[in-house]
């Protein structure tokens, strides 16, 4: 399961409202790279792929691809603003460590293989 805080739901809906017609789905995925092996990708999309999981997070449809799911199951996504600006904050129980940027993480679970970076 993926959880979105009320602040994250508000920010996703604010971003969705900027499009006409509005993309219906909020895609969360991971990719190899970044400061600590893997990094998060957030996107707004119009449709899910057949192999995607589609979750309802308090009215926000969240899409996760099959390769990213093992890394994201249990994720809590928050949104906050500070003097440096606003941004999503990731609280991932699967991460063994995270980079200071907060957008990159690593895992130690041997049963999880990182998704390849697209060419």
PDB file of N, CA and C in Angstrom:
ATOM      1  N   UNK A   1       0.837  -1.174   0.000  1.00  0.00           N
ATOM      2  CA  UNK A   1       0.000   0.000   0.000  1.00  0.00           C
ATOM      3  C   UNK A   1       0.887   1.243   0.000  1.00  0.00           C
ATOM      4  N   UNK A   2       0.403   2.269  -0.614  1.00  0.00           N
ATOM      5  CA  UNK A   2       1.063   3.574  -0.605  1.00  0.00           C
ATOM      6  C   UNK A   2       0.109   4.549   0.080  1.00  0.00           C
ATOM      7  N   UNK A   3       0.671   5.414   0.907  1.00  0.00           N
ATOM      8  CA  UNK A   3      -0.130   6.381   1.645  1.00  0.00           C
ATOM      9  C   UNK A   3       0.274   7.793   1.213  1.00  0.00           C
ATOM     10  N   UNK A   4      -0.710   8.656   1.029  1.00  0.00           N
ATOM     11  CA  UNK A   4      -0.473  10.076   0.745  1.00  0.00           C
ATOM     12  C   UNK A   4      -1.005  10.884   1.917  1.00  0.00           C
ATOM     13  N   UNK A   5      -0.194  11.812   2.408  1.00  0.00           N
ATOM     14  CA  UNK A   5      -0.656  12.698   3.474  1.00  0.00           C
ATOM     15  C   UNK A   5      -1.685  13.670   2.893  1.00  0.00           C
ATOM     16  N   UNK A   6      -2.481  14.314   3.729  1.00  0.00           N
ATOM     17  CA  UNK A   6      -3.413  15.322   3.227  1.00  0.00           C
ATOM     18  C   UNK A   6      -2.700  16.424   2.426  1.00  0.00           C
ATOM     19  N   UNK A   7      -1.495  16.814   2.861  1.00  0.00           N
ATOM     20  CA  UNK A   7      -0.746  17.839   2.122  1.00  0.00           C
ATOM     21  C   UNK A   7      -0.325  17.327   0.748  1.00  0.00           C
ATOM     22  N   UNK A   8       0.082  16.060   0.657  1.00  0.00           N
ATOM     23  CA  UNK A   8       0.468  15.477  -0.633  1.00  0.00           C
ATOM     24  C   UNK A   8      -0.741  15.373  -1.560  1.00  0.00           C
ATOM     25  N   UNK A   9      -1.885  14.974  -1.012  1.00  0.00           N
ATOM     26  CA  UNK A   9      -3.111  14.900  -1.818  1.00  0.00           C
ATOM     27  C   UNK A   9      -3.454  16.276  -2.374  1.00  0.00           C
ATOM     28  N   UNK A  10      -3.358  17.292  -1.537  1.00  0.00           N
ATOM     29  CA  UNK A  10      -3.641  18.655  -1.984  1.00  0.00           C
ATOM     30  C   UNK A  10      -2.706  19.101  -3.096  1.00  0.00           C
ATOM     31  N   UNK A  11      -1.424  18.780  -2.975  1.00  0.00           N
ATOM     32  CA  UNK A  11      -0.458  19.189  -3.995  1.00  0.00           C
ATOM     33  C   UNK A  11      -0.662  18.422  -5.301  1.00  0.00           C
ATOM     34  N   UNK A  12      -0.937  17.128  -5.213  1.00  0.00           N
ATOM     35  CA  UNK A  12      -1.207  16.350  -6.433  1.00  0.00           C
ATOM     36  C   UNK A  12      -2.436  16.917  -7.137  1.00  0.00           C
ATOM     37  N   UNK A  13      -3.487  17.177  -6.400  1.00  0.00           N
ATOM     38  CA  UNK A  13      -4.707  17.729  -7.000  1.00  0.00           C
ATOM     39  C   UNK A  13      -4.471  19.119  -7.572  1.00  0.00           C
ATOM     40  N   UNK A  14      -3.650  19.923  -6.906  1.00  0.00           N
ATOM     41  CA  UNK A  14      -3.324  21.260  -7.443  1.00  0.00           C
ATOM     42  C   UNK A  14      -2.602  21.124  -8.779  1.00  0.00           C
ATOM     43  N   UNK A  15      -1.651  20.207  -8.873  1.00  0.00           N
ATOM     44  CA  UNK A  15      -0.907  20.009 -10.123  1.00  0.00           C
ATOM     45  C   UNK A  15      -1.803  19.428 -11.207  1.00  0.00           C
ATOM     46  N   UNK A  16      -2.689  18.519 -10.839  1.00  0.00           N
ATOM     47  CA  UNK A  16      -3.616  17.942 -11.817  1.00  0.00           C
ATOM     48  C   UNK A  16      -4.535  19.009 -12.397  1.00  0.00           C
ATOM     49  N   UNK A  17      -4.918  19.969 -11.586  1.00  0.00           N
ATOM     50  CA  UNK A  17      -5.860  20.998 -12.039  1.00  0.00           C
ATOM     51  C   UNK A  17      -5.252  21.955 -13.056  1.00  0.00           C
ATOM     52  N   UNK A  18      -3.943  21.959 -13.198  1.00  0.00           N
ATOM     53  CA  UNK A  18      -3.273  22.849 -14.147  1.00  0.00           C
ATOM     54  C   UNK A  18      -3.373  22.353 -15.587  1.00  0.00           C
ATOM     55  N   UNK A  19      -3.844  21.125 -15.780  1.00  0.00           N
ATOM     56  CA  UNK A  19      -3.944  20.541 -17.105  1.00  0.00           C
ATOM     57  C   UNK A  19      -5.397  20.510 -17.554  1.00  0.00           C
ATOM     58  N   UNK A  20      -5.588  20.679 -18.850  1.00  0.00           N
ATOM     59  CA  UNK A  20      -6.933  20.601 -19.402  1.00  0.00           C
ATOM     60  C   UNK A  20      -6.892  19.753 -20.663  1.00  0.00           C
ATOM     61  N   UNK A  21      -7.498  18.601 -20.709  1.00  0.00           N
ATOM     62  CA  UNK A  21      -8.141  17.935 -19.584  1.00  0.00           C
ATOM     63  C   UNK A  21      -7.099  17.439 -18.592  1.00  0.00           C
ATOM     64  N   UNK A  22      -7.508  17.335 -17.366  1.00  0.00           N
ATOM     65  CA  UNK A  22      -6.581  16.953 -16.298  1.00  0.00           C
ATOM     66  C   UNK A  22      -6.172  15.484 -16.425  1.00  0.00           C
ATOM     67  N   UNK A  23      -4.854  15.189 -16.297  1.00  0.00           N
ATOM     68  CA  UNK A  23      -4.451  13.774 -16.232  1.00  0.00           C
ATOM     69  C   UNK A  23      -5.102  13.141 -15.012  1.00  0.00           C
ATOM     70  N   UNK A  24      -5.553  11.952 -15.168  1.00  0.00           N
ATOM     71  CA  UNK A  24      -6.325  11.324 -14.112  1.00  0.00           C
ATOM     72  C   UNK A  24      -5.473  10.577 -13.091  1.00  0.00           C
ATOM     73  N   UNK A  25      -4.250  10.171 -13.460  1.00  0.00           N
ATOM     74  CA  UNK A  25      -3.478   9.271 -12.613  1.00  0.00           C
ATOM     75  C   UNK A  25      -2.157   9.893 -12.166  1.00  0.00           C
ATOM     76  N   UNK A  26      -1.776   9.579 -10.948  1.00  0.00           N
ATOM     77  CA  UNK A  26      -0.508  10.034 -10.371  1.00  0.00           C
ATOM     78  C   UNK A  26       0.428   8.828 -10.338  1.00  0.00           C
ATOM     79  N   UNK A  27       1.460   8.841 -11.184  1.00  0.00           N
ATOM     80  CA  UNK A  27       2.395   7.716 -11.278  1.00  0.00           C
ATOM     81  C   UNK A  27       3.578   7.938 -10.344  1.00  0.00           C
ATOM     82  N   UNK A  28       3.879   6.904  -9.552  1.00  0.00           N
ATOM     83  CA  UNK A  28       5.041   6.900  -8.671  1.00  0.00           C
ATOM     84  C   UNK A  28       5.887   5.706  -9.090  1.00  0.00           C
ATOM     85  N   UNK A  29       7.177   5.944  -9.356  1.00  0.00           N
ATOM     86  CA  UNK A  29       8.055   4.851  -9.760  1.00  0.00           C
ATOM     87  C   UNK A  29       9.465   5.117  -9.252  1.00  0.00           C
ATOM     88  N   UNK A  30      10.329   4.122  -9.437  1.00  0.00           N
ATOM     89  CA  UNK A  30      11.741   4.266  -9.100  1.00  0.00           C
ATOM     90  C   UNK A  30      12.567   3.874 -10.314  1.00  0.00           C
ATOM     91  N   UNK A  31      13.782   4.395 -10.336  1.00  0.00           N
ATOM     92  CA  UNK A  31      14.703   4.096 -11.421  1.00  0.00           C
ATOM     93  C   UNK A  31      16.113   4.035 -10.858  1.00  0.00           C
ATOM     94  N   UNK A  32      16.956   3.243 -11.467  1.00  0.00           N
ATOM     95  CA  UNK A  32      18.349   3.148 -11.036  1.00  0.00           C
ATOM     96  C   UNK A  32      19.058   4.474 -11.350  1.00  0.00           C
ATOM     97  N   UNK A  33      19.827   4.952 -10.376  1.00  0.00           N
ATOM     98  CA  UNK A  33      20.574   6.194 -10.543  1.00  0.00           C
ATOM     99  C   UNK A  33      20.459   7.043  -9.292  1.00  0.00           C
ATOM    100  N   UNK A  34      20.807   8.287  -9.404  1.00  0.00           N
ATOM    101  CA  UNK A  34      20.738   9.192  -8.269  1.00  0.00           C
ATOM    102  C   UNK A  34      21.935   9.035  -7.351  1.00  0.00           C
ATOM    103  N   UNK A  35      21.865   9.687  -6.223  1.00  0.00           N
ATOM    104  CA  UNK A  35      22.970   9.728  -5.266  1.00  0.00           C
ATOM    105  C   UNK A  35      23.157   8.416  -4.504  1.00  0.00           C
ATOM    106  N   UNK A  36      22.089   7.612  -4.373  1.00  0.00           N
ATOM    107  CA  UNK A  36      22.151   6.440  -3.495  1.00  0.00           C
ATOM    108  C   UNK A  36      21.577   5.184  -4.155  1.00  0.00           C
ATOM    109  N   UNK A  37      21.816   4.982  -5.424  1.00  0.00           N
ATOM    110  CA  UNK A  37      21.419   3.796  -6.199  1.00  0.00           C
ATOM    111  C   UNK A  37      20.074   3.903  -6.907  1.00  0.00           C
ATOM    112  N   UNK A  38      19.038   4.395  -6.236  1.00  0.00           N
ATOM    113  CA  UNK A  38      17.706   4.491  -6.822  1.00  0.00           C
ATOM    114  C   UNK A  38      17.131   5.870  -6.556  1.00  0.00           C
ATOM    115  N   UNK A  39      16.248   6.334  -7.458  1.00  0.00           N
ATOM    116  CA  UNK A  39      15.582   7.603  -7.200  1.00  0.00           C
ATOM    117  C   UNK A  39      14.112   7.515  -7.585  1.00  0.00           C
ATOM    118  N   UNK A  40      13.331   8.366  -6.955  1.00  0.00           N
ATOM    119  CA  UNK A  40      11.892   8.404  -7.161  1.00  0.00           C
ATOM    120  C   UNK A  40      11.549   9.245  -8.382  1.00  0.00           C
ATOM    121  N   UNK A  41      10.501   8.824  -9.088  1.00  0.00           N
ATOM    122  CA  UNK A  41       9.964   9.585 -10.214  1.00  0.00           C
ATOM    123  C   UNK A  41       8.473   9.776  -9.967  1.00  0.00           C
ATOM    124  N   UNK A  42       8.013  11.000 -10.054  1.00  0.00           N
ATOM    125  CA  UNK A  42       6.594  11.338  -9.908  1.00  0.00           C
ATOM    126  C   UNK A  42       6.124  11.939 -11.219  1.00  0.00           C
ATOM    127  N   UNK A  43       4.955  11.514 -11.680  1.00  0.00           N
ATOM    128  CA  UNK A  43       4.462  11.996 -12.970  1.00  0.00           C
ATOM    129  C   UNK A  43       2.942  11.950 -12.975  1.00  0.00           C
ATOM    130  N   UNK A  44       2.344  12.748 -13.808  1.00  0.00           N
ATOM    131  CA  UNK A  44       0.905  12.707 -14.041  1.00  0.00           C
ATOM    132  C   UNK A  44       0.686  12.068 -15.405  1.00  0.00           C
ATOM    133  N   UNK A  45      -0.171  11.059 -15.456  1.00  0.00           N
ATOM    134  CA  UNK A  45      -0.403  10.322 -16.698  1.00  0.00           C
ATOM    135  C   UNK A  45      -1.897  10.153 -16.938  1.00  0.00           C
ATOM    136  N   UNK A  46      -2.239   9.893 -18.189  1.00  0.00           N
ATOM    137  CA  UNK A  46      -3.644   9.735 -18.552  1.00  0.00           C
ATOM    138  C   UNK A  46      -4.146   8.311 -18.414  1.00  0.00           C
ATOM    139  N   UNK A  47      -3.238   7.330 -18.522  1.00  0.00           N
ATOM    140  CA  UNK A  47      -3.679   5.934 -18.493  1.00  0.00           C
ATOM    141  C   UNK A  47      -2.628   5.055 -17.836  1.00  0.00           C
ATOM    142  N   UNK A  48      -3.079   3.939 -17.310  1.00  0.00           N
ATOM    143  CA  UNK A  48      -2.183   2.947 -16.727  1.00  0.00           C
ATOM    144  C   UNK A  48      -1.892   1.869 -17.765  1.00  0.00           C
ATOM    145  N   UNK A  49      -0.754   1.213 -17.605  1.00  0.00           N
ATOM    146  CA  UNK A  49      -0.421   0.057 -18.433  1.00  0.00           C
ATOM    147  C   UNK A  49      -1.105  -1.173 -17.833  1.00  0.00           C
ATOM    148  N   UNK A  50      -1.298  -2.218 -18.629  1.00  0.00           N
ATOM    149  CA  UNK A  50      -1.972  -3.414 -18.113  1.00  0.00           C
ATOM    150  C   UNK A  50      -1.285  -4.050 -16.900  1.00  0.00           C
ATOM    151  N   UNK A  51       0.035  -3.951 -16.808  1.00  0.00           N
ATOM    152  CA  UNK A  51       0.759  -4.566 -15.691  1.00  0.00           C
ATOM    153  C   UNK A  51       0.895  -3.647 -14.474  1.00  0.00           C
ATOM    154  N   UNK A  52       0.377  -2.438 -14.544  1.00  0.00           N
ATOM    155  CA  UNK A  52       0.445  -1.495 -13.421  1.00  0.00           C
ATOM    156  C   UNK A  52      -0.534  -1.854 -12.315  1.00  0.00           C
ATOM    157  N   UNK A  53      -0.175  -1.471 -11.105  1.00  0.00           N
ATOM    158  CA  UNK A  53      -1.112  -1.496  -9.982  1.00  0.00           C
ATOM    159  C   UNK A  53      -1.734  -0.110  -9.906  1.00  0.00           C
ATOM    160  N   UNK A  54      -3.035  -0.048  -9.740  1.00  0.00           N
ATOM    161  CA  UNK A  54      -3.724   1.230  -9.567  1.00  0.00           C
ATOM    162  C   UNK A  54      -4.345   1.209  -8.176  1.00  0.00           C
ATOM    163  N   UNK A  55      -3.924   2.160  -7.347  1.00  0.00           N
ATOM    164  CA  UNK A  55      -4.374   2.256  -5.960  1.00  0.00           C
ATOM    165  C   UNK A  55      -5.204   3.524  -5.789  1.00  0.00           C
ATOM    166  N   UNK A  56      -6.147   3.489  -4.894  1.00  0.00           N
ATOM    167  CA  UNK A  56      -6.914   4.683  -4.555  1.00  0.00           C
ATOM    168  C   UNK A  56      -6.403   5.187  -3.212  1.00  0.00           C
ATOM    169  N   UNK A  57      -5.759   6.333  -3.224  1.00  0.00           N
ATOM    170  CA  UNK A  57      -5.229   6.950  -2.002  1.00  0.00           C
ATOM    171  C   UNK A  57      -6.074   8.166  -1.668  1.00  0.00           C
ATOM    172  N   UNK A  58      -7.150   7.928  -0.927  1.00  0.00           N
ATOM    173  CA  UNK A  58      -8.081   8.993  -0.532  1.00  0.00           C
ATOM    174  C   UNK A  58      -8.547   9.824  -1.722  1.00  0.00           C
ATOM    175  N   UNK A  59      -8.957   9.128  -2.778  1.00  0.00           N
ATOM    176  CA  UNK A  59      -9.498   9.802  -3.947  1.00  0.00           C
ATOM    177  C   UNK A  59      -8.489  10.116  -5.026  1.00  0.00           C
ATOM    178  N   UNK A  60      -7.215   9.933  -4.772  1.00  0.00           N
ATOM    179  CA  UNK A  60      -6.178  10.156  -5.785  1.00  0.00           C
ATOM    180  C   UNK A  60      -5.772   8.794  -6.345  1.00  0.00           C
ATOM    181  N   UNK A  61      -6.012   8.548  -7.644  1.00  0.00           N
ATOM    182  CA  UNK A  61      -5.579   7.288  -8.233  1.00  0.00           C
ATOM    183  C   UNK A  61      -4.058   7.291  -8.445  1.00  0.00           C
ATOM    184  N   UNK A  62      -3.383   6.356  -7.789  1.00  0.00           N
ATOM    185  CA  UNK A  62      -1.924   6.250  -7.854  1.00  0.00           C
ATOM    186  C   UNK A  62      -1.570   5.006  -8.655  1.00  0.00           C
ATOM    187  N   UNK A  63      -0.665   5.161  -9.613  1.00  0.00           N
ATOM    188  CA  UNK A  63      -0.239   4.073 -10.484  1.00  0.00           C
ATOM    189  C   UNK A  63       1.210   3.727 -10.166  1.00  0.00           C
ATOM    190  N   UNK A  64       1.487   2.419 -10.022  1.00  0.00           N
ATOM    191  CA  UNK A  64       2.843   1.935  -9.759  1.00  0.00           C
ATOM    192  C   UNK A  64       3.121   0.776 -10.707  1.00  0.00           C
ATOM    193  N   UNK A  65       4.237   0.837 -11.420  1.00  0.00           N
ATOM    194  CA  UNK A  65       4.585  -0.263 -12.316  1.00  0.00           C
ATOM    195  C   UNK A  65       5.090  -1.452 -11.505  1.00  0.00           C
ATOM    196  N   UNK A  66       5.038  -2.633 -12.120  1.00  0.00           N
ATOM    197  CA  UNK A  66       5.373  -3.880 -11.430  1.00  0.00           C
ATOM    198  C   UNK A  66       6.809  -3.892 -10.918  1.00  0.00           C
ATOM    199  N   UNK A  67       7.751  -3.328 -11.659  1.00  0.00           N
ATOM    200  CA  UNK A  67       9.151  -3.326 -11.221  1.00  0.00           C
ATOM    201  C   UNK A  67       9.380  -2.423 -10.027  1.00  0.00           C
ATOM    202  N   UNK A  68       8.630  -1.338  -9.924  1.00  0.00           N
ATOM    203  CA  UNK A  68       8.814  -0.393  -8.821  1.00  0.00           C
ATOM    204  C   UNK A  68       8.097  -0.822  -7.547  1.00  0.00           C
ATOM    205  N   UNK A  69       7.062  -1.649  -7.675  1.00  0.00           N
ATOM    206  CA  UNK A  69       6.230  -1.991  -6.526  1.00  0.00           C
ATOM    207  C   UNK A  69       7.014  -2.505  -5.318  1.00  0.00           C
ATOM    208  N   UNK A  70       7.984  -3.435  -5.463  1.00  0.00           N
ATOM    209  CA  UNK A  70       8.689  -3.924  -4.272  1.00  0.00           C
ATOM    210  C   UNK A  70       9.404  -2.819  -3.489  1.00  0.00           C
ATOM    211  N   UNK A  71       9.808  -1.762  -4.169  1.00  0.00           N
ATOM    212  CA  UNK A  71      10.498  -0.650  -3.517  1.00  0.00           C
ATOM    213  C   UNK A  71       9.534   0.322  -2.853  1.00  0.00           C
ATOM    214  N   UNK A  72       8.296   0.367  -3.360  1.00  0.00           N
ATOM    215  CA  UNK A  72       7.357   1.405  -2.935  1.00  0.00           C
ATOM    216  C   UNK A  72       6.256   0.914  -2.013  1.00  0.00           C
ATOM    217  N   UNK A  73       6.097  -0.379  -1.869  1.00  0.00           N
ATOM    218  CA  UNK A  73       5.061  -0.912  -0.993  1.00  0.00           C
ATOM    219  C   UNK A  73       5.331  -0.451   0.444  1.00  0.00           C
ATOM    220  N   UNK A  74       4.411   0.284   1.023  1.00  0.00           N
ATOM    221  CA  UNK A  74       4.568   0.831   2.370  1.00  0.00           C
ATOM    222  C   UNK A  74       4.996   2.289   2.386  1.00  0.00           C
ATOM    223  N   UNK A  75       5.268   2.871   1.224  1.00  0.00           N
ATOM    224  CA  UNK A  75       5.709   4.264   1.122  1.00  0.00           C
ATOM    225  C   UNK A  75       4.644   5.222   1.638  1.00  0.00           C
ATOM    226  N   UNK A  76       5.069   6.226   2.395  1.00  0.00           N
ATOM    227  CA  UNK A  76       4.219   7.357   2.747  1.00  0.00           C
ATOM    228  C   UNK A  76       4.805   8.582   2.070  1.00  0.00           C
ATOM    229  N   UNK A  77       3.973   9.258   1.308  1.00  0.00           N
ATOM    230  CA  UNK A  77       4.405  10.440   0.574  1.00  0.00           C
ATOM    231  C   UNK A  77       3.767  11.660   1.217  1.00  0.00           C
ATOM    232  N   UNK A  78       4.597  12.620   1.570  1.00  0.00           N
ATOM    233  CA  UNK A  78       4.140  13.855   2.208  1.00  0.00           C
ATOM    234  C   UNK A  78       4.555  15.022   1.319  1.00  0.00           C
ATOM    235  N   UNK A  79       4.014  16.190   1.577  1.00  0.00           N
ATOM    236  CA  UNK A  79       4.408  17.410   0.875  1.00  0.00           C
ATOM    237  C   UNK A  79       4.541  18.506   1.918  1.00  0.00           C
ATOM    238  N   UNK A  80       5.631  19.253   1.837  1.00  0.00           N
ATOM    239  CA  UNK A  80       5.800  20.371   2.766  1.00  0.00           C
ATOM    240  C   UNK A  80       6.537  21.501   2.074  1.00  0.00           C
ATOM    241  N   UNK A  81       6.358  22.680   2.619  1.00  0.00           N
ATOM    242  CA  UNK A  81       7.047  23.868   2.121  1.00  0.00           C
ATOM    243  C   UNK A  81       7.876  24.455   3.242  1.00  0.00           C
ATOM    244  N   UNK A  82       9.053  24.945   2.874  1.00  0.00           N
ATOM    245  CA  UNK A  82       9.921  25.610   3.835  1.00  0.00           C
ATOM    246  C   UNK A  82      10.576  26.792   3.141  1.00  0.00           C
ATOM    247  N   UNK A  83      11.570  27.372   3.756  1.00  0.00           N
ATOM    248  CA  UNK A  83      12.231  28.548   3.181  1.00  0.00           C
ATOM    249  C   UNK A  83      12.893  28.261   1.835  1.00  0.00           C
ATOM    250  N   UNK A  84      13.236  27.000   1.594  1.00  0.00           N
ATOM    251  CA  UNK A  84      13.887  26.609   0.344  1.00  0.00           C
ATOM    252  C   UNK A  84      12.882  26.256  -0.740  1.00  0.00           C
ATOM    253  N   UNK A  85      11.582  26.272  -0.432  1.00  0.00           N
ATOM    254  CA  UNK A  85      10.548  25.928  -1.404  1.00  0.00           C
ATOM    255  C   UNK A  85       9.794  24.695  -0.968  1.00  0.00           C
ATOM    256  N   UNK A  86       8.903  24.239  -1.823  1.00  0.00           N
ATOM    257  CA  UNK A  86       8.085  23.078  -1.503  1.00  0.00           C
ATOM    258  C   UNK A  86       8.594  21.834  -2.198  1.00  0.00           C
ATOM    259  N   UNK A  87       8.208  20.703  -1.650  1.00  0.00           N
ATOM    260  CA  UNK A  87       8.592  19.452  -2.280  1.00  0.00           C
ATOM    261  C   UNK A  87       7.966  18.261  -1.592  1.00  0.00           C
ATOM    262  N   UNK A  88       7.942  17.166  -2.329  1.00  0.00           N
ATOM    263  CA  UNK A  88       7.451  15.917  -1.779  1.00  0.00           C
ATOM    264  C   UNK A  88       8.525  15.308  -0.902  1.00  0.00           C
ATOM    265  N   UNK A  89       8.091  14.671   0.174  1.00  0.00           N
ATOM    266  CA  UNK A  89       8.989  14.000   1.120  1.00  0.00           C
ATOM    267  C   UNK A  89       8.611  12.527   1.137  1.00  0.00           C
ATOM    268  N   UNK A  90       9.608  11.673   1.013  1.00  0.00           N
ATOM    269  CA  UNK A  90       9.403  10.234   0.918  1.00  0.00           C
ATOM    270  C   UNK A  90       9.780   9.565   2.237  1.00  0.00           C
ATOM    271  N   UNK A  91       8.868   8.781   2.778  1.00  0.00           N
ATOM    272  CA  UNK A  91       9.119   7.994   3.986  1.00  0.00           C
ATOM    273  C   UNK A  91       8.934   6.537   3.574  1.00  0.00           C
ATOM    274  N   UNK A  92      10.069   5.886   3.267  1.00  0.00           N
ATOM    275  CA  UNK A  92      10.032   4.562   2.668  1.00  0.00           C
ATOM    276  C   UNK A  92      10.616   3.516   3.621  1.00  0.00           C
ATOM    277  N   UNK A  93       9.789   2.586   4.114  1.00  0.00           N
ATOM    278  CA  UNK A  93      10.301   1.568   5.025  1.00  0.00           C
ATOM    279  C   UNK A  93      11.243   0.570   4.347  1.00  0.00           C
ATOM    280  N   UNK A  94      11.266   0.537   3.021  1.00  0.00           N
ATOM    281  CA  UNK A  94      12.136  -0.374   2.283  1.00  0.00           C
ATOM    282  C   UNK A  94      13.546   0.169   2.102  1.00  0.00           C
ATOM    283  N   UNK A  95      13.734   1.459   2.331  1.00  0.00           N
ATOM    284  CA  UNK A  95      15.038   2.091   2.134  1.00  0.00           C
ATOM    285  C   UNK A  95      15.952   1.804   3.316  1.00  0.00           C
ATOM    286  N   UNK A  96      17.153   1.337   3.017  1.00  0.00           N
ATOM    287  CA  UNK A  96      18.136   1.119   4.081  1.00  0.00           C
ATOM    288  C   UNK A  96      18.912   2.399   4.350  1.00  0.00           C
ATOM    289  N   UNK A  97      18.997   3.270   3.345  1.00  0.00           N
ATOM    290  CA  UNK A  97      19.617   4.581   3.517  1.00  0.00           C
ATOM    291  C   UNK A  97      19.057   5.520   2.456  1.00  0.00           C
ATOM    292  N   UNK A  98      19.168   6.811   2.732  1.00  0.00           N
ATOM    293  CA  UNK A  98      18.688   7.835   1.809  1.00  0.00           C
ATOM    294  C   UNK A  98      19.740   8.912   1.663  1.00  0.00           C
ATOM    295  N   UNK A  99      19.748   9.538   0.518  1.00  0.00           N
ATOM    296  CA  UNK A  99      20.652  10.656   0.266  1.00  0.00           C
ATOM    297  C   UNK A  99      20.106  11.895   0.985  1.00  0.00           C
ATOM    298  N   UNK A 100      20.945  12.848   1.224  1.00  0.00           N
ATOM    299  CA  UNK A 100      20.528  14.090   1.863  1.00  0.00           C
ATOM    300  C   UNK A 100      19.487  14.844   1.067  1.00  0.00           C
ATOM    301  N   UNK A 101      19.453  14.628  -0.252  1.00  0.00           N
ATOM    302  CA  UNK A 101      18.463  15.308  -1.099  1.00  0.00           C
ATOM    303  C   UNK A 101      17.057  14.784  -0.836  1.00  0.00           C
ATOM    304  N   UNK A 102      16.954  13.574  -0.297  1.00  0.00           N
ATOM    305  CA  UNK A 102      15.660  12.983  -0.003  1.00  0.00           C
ATOM    306  C   UNK A 102      14.984  12.316  -1.183  1.00  0.00           C
ATOM    307  N   UNK A 103      15.545  12.420  -2.373  1.00  0.00           N
ATOM    308  CA  UNK A 103      14.934  11.843  -3.568  1.00  0.00           C
ATOM    309  C   UNK A 103      15.607  10.568  -4.029  1.00  0.00           C
ATOM    310  N   UNK A 104      16.665  10.167  -3.360  1.00  0.00           N
ATOM    311  CA  UNK A 104      17.428   8.996  -3.751  1.00  0.00           C
ATOM    312  C   UNK A 104      17.611   8.097  -2.532  1.00  0.00           C
ATOM    313  N   UNK A 105      17.593   6.781  -2.766  1.00  0.00           N
ATOM    314  CA  UNK A 105      17.695   5.843  -1.647  1.00  0.00           C
ATOM    315  C   UNK A 105      18.375   4.564  -2.109  1.00  0.00           C
ATOM    316  N   UNK A 106      18.745   3.741  -1.153  1.00  0.00           N
ATOM    317  CA  UNK A 106      19.300   2.430  -1.470  1.00  0.00           C
ATOM    318  C   UNK A 106      18.608   1.387  -0.602  1.00  0.00           C
ATOM    319  N   UNK A 107      18.738   0.144  -1.012  1.00  0.00           N
ATOM    320  CA  UNK A 107      18.138  -0.965  -0.286  1.00  0.00           C
ATOM    321  C   UNK A 107      19.208  -2.028  -0.065  1.00  0.00           C
ATOM    322  N   UNK A 108      18.954  -2.923   0.886  1.00  0.00           N
ATOM    323  CA  UNK A 108      19.889  -4.023   1.105  1.00  0.00           C
ATOM    324  C   UNK A 108      19.218  -5.368   0.889  1.00  0.00           C
ATOM    325  N   UNK A 109      17.918  -5.384   0.625  1.00  0.00           N
ATOM    326  CA  UNK A 109      17.198  -6.644   0.448  1.00  0.00           C
ATOM    327  C   UNK A 109      17.718  -7.373  -0.783  1.00  0.00           C
ATOM    328  N   UNK A 110      18.279  -8.568  -0.633  1.00  0.00           N
ATOM    329  CA  UNK A 110      18.832  -9.285  -1.771  1.00  0.00           C
ATOM    330  C   UNK A 110      17.783  -9.788  -2.747  1.00  0.00           C
ATOM    331  N   UNK A 111      16.525  -9.891  -2.323  1.00  0.00           N
ATOM    332  CA  UNK A 111      15.483 -10.425  -3.215  1.00  0.00           C
ATOM    333  C   UNK A 111      14.918  -9.377  -4.162  1.00  0.00           C
ATOM    334  N   UNK A 112      15.306  -8.124  -3.985  1.00  0.00           N
ATOM    335  CA  UNK A 112      14.792  -7.053  -4.833  1.00  0.00           C
ATOM    336  C   UNK A 112      15.877  -6.645  -5.809  1.00  0.00           C
ATOM    337  N   UNK A 113      15.567  -6.677  -7.100  1.00  0.00           N
ATOM    338  CA  UNK A 113      16.496  -6.261  -8.138  1.00  0.00           C
ATOM    339  C   UNK A 113      16.063  -4.912  -8.658  1.00  0.00           C
ATOM    340  N   UNK A 114      16.987  -3.980  -8.715  1.00  0.00           N
ATOM    341  CA  UNK A 114      16.665  -2.614  -9.146  1.00  0.00           C
ATOM    342  C   UNK A 114      16.239  -2.603 -10.609  1.00  0.00           C
ATOM    343  N   UNK A 115      15.241  -1.793 -10.949  1.00  0.00           N
ATOM    344  CA  UNK A 115      14.831  -1.676 -12.343  1.00  0.00           C
ATOM    345  C   UNK A 115      15.946  -1.023 -13.164  1.00  0.00           C
ATOM    346  N   UNK A 116      16.088  -1.468 -14.382  1.00  0.00           N
ATOM    347  CA  UNK A 116      17.112  -0.922 -15.268  1.00  0.00           C
ATOM    348  C   UNK A 116      16.737   0.486 -15.697  1.00  0.00           C
ATOM    349  N   UNK A 117      17.741   1.277 -15.981  1.00  0.00           N
ATOM    350  CA  UNK A 117      17.529   2.624 -16.484  1.00  0.00           C
ATOM    351  C   UNK A 117      17.179   2.518 -17.958  1.00  0.00           C
ATOM    352  N   UNK A 118      16.127   3.222 -18.431  1.00  0.00           N
ATOM    353  CA  UNK A 118      15.759   3.118 -19.846  1.00  0.00           C
ATOM    354  C   UNK A 118      16.846   3.692 -20.739  1.00  0.00           C
ATOM    355  N   UNK A 119      16.949   3.141 -21.939  1.00  0.00           N
ATOM    356  CA  UNK A 119      17.973   3.611 -22.893  1.00  0.00           C
ATOM    357  C   UNK A 119      17.539   4.851 -23.594  1.00  0.00           C
TER     358      UNK A 119
END
